[in-house]
Protein backbone atom coordinates (compact mmCIF):
# COMPACT_ATOMS: atom_id res chain seq x y z
CA UNK A 1 -0.37 0.01 -0.01
CA UNK A 2 1.67 3.42 -1.13
CA UNK A 3 1.80 6.15 1.73
CA UNK A 4 -1.13 7.78 -0.85
CA UNK A 5 -3.09 4.93 0.04
CA UNK A 6 -2.38 4.72 3.51
CA UNK A 7 -3.06 8.85 4.39
CA UNK A 8 -6.62 8.35 1.98
CA UNK A 9 -7.61 5.20 4.40
CA UNK A 10 -7.34 7.13 7.46
CA UNK A 11 -9.27 9.83 6.29
CA UNK A 12 -11.80 7.53 5.37
CA UNK A 13 -11.20 6.37 8.65
CA UNK A 14 -11.70 9.34 10.40
CA UNK A 15 -14.34 10.24 7.98
CA UNK A 16 -16.17 7.60 9.54
CA UNK A 17 -16.06 7.76 12.77
CA UNK A 18 -16.71 11.59 12.63
CA UNK A 19 -19.94 10.43 10.85
CA UNK A 20 -20.43 7.42 14.02
CA UNK A 21 -19.91 9.90 17.37
CA UNK A 22 -22.46 12.60 15.18
CA UNK A 23 -25.18 9.99 15.95
CA UNK A 24 -24.59 8.84 18.96
CA UNK A 25 -24.62 11.29 22.67
CA UNK A 26 -21.54 12.28 23.44
CA UNK A 27 -20.51 14.42 26.66
CA UNK A 28 -19.14 18.20 25.83
CA UNK A 29 -15.54 17.10 27.42
CA UNK A 30 -15.70 13.50 24.77
CA UNK A 31 -15.92 16.03 21.49
CA UNK A 32 -13.76 18.48 21.96
CA UNK A 33 -11.12 15.74 22.84
CA UNK A 34 -12.14 14.10 19.13
CA UNK A 35 -12.27 17.60 17.30
CA UNK A 36 -8.72 18.58 18.60
CA UNK A 37 -7.32 14.77 17.35
CA UNK A 38 -10.07 15.29 14.18
CA UNK A 39 -8.43 18.36 13.59
CA UNK A 40 -4.82 17.58 13.89
CA UNK A 41 -4.41 14.73 11.61
CA UNK A 42 -6.65 16.29 9.10
CA UNK A 43 -4.07 19.14 9.43
CA UNK A 44 -1.67 16.60 9.20
CA UNK A 45 -2.98 14.54 5.94
CA UNK A 46 -3.36 18.38 4.12
CA UNK A 47 0.62 18.28 4.34
CA UNK A 48 1.51 15.89 3.09
CA UNK A 49 -1.22 15.50 0.53
CA UNK A 50 0.15 15.85 -3.08
């Protein structure tokens, strides 16, 4: 699997996770923590995308 495929797979997993979290009632602390991680990973993916 190429680096680009790995990054795309991570991005898809994050999208799926975000949808799953949206469907559940979560605490504010959990949601804020999730958003911080999600945004950090997205920033890295954007830096590394072609």
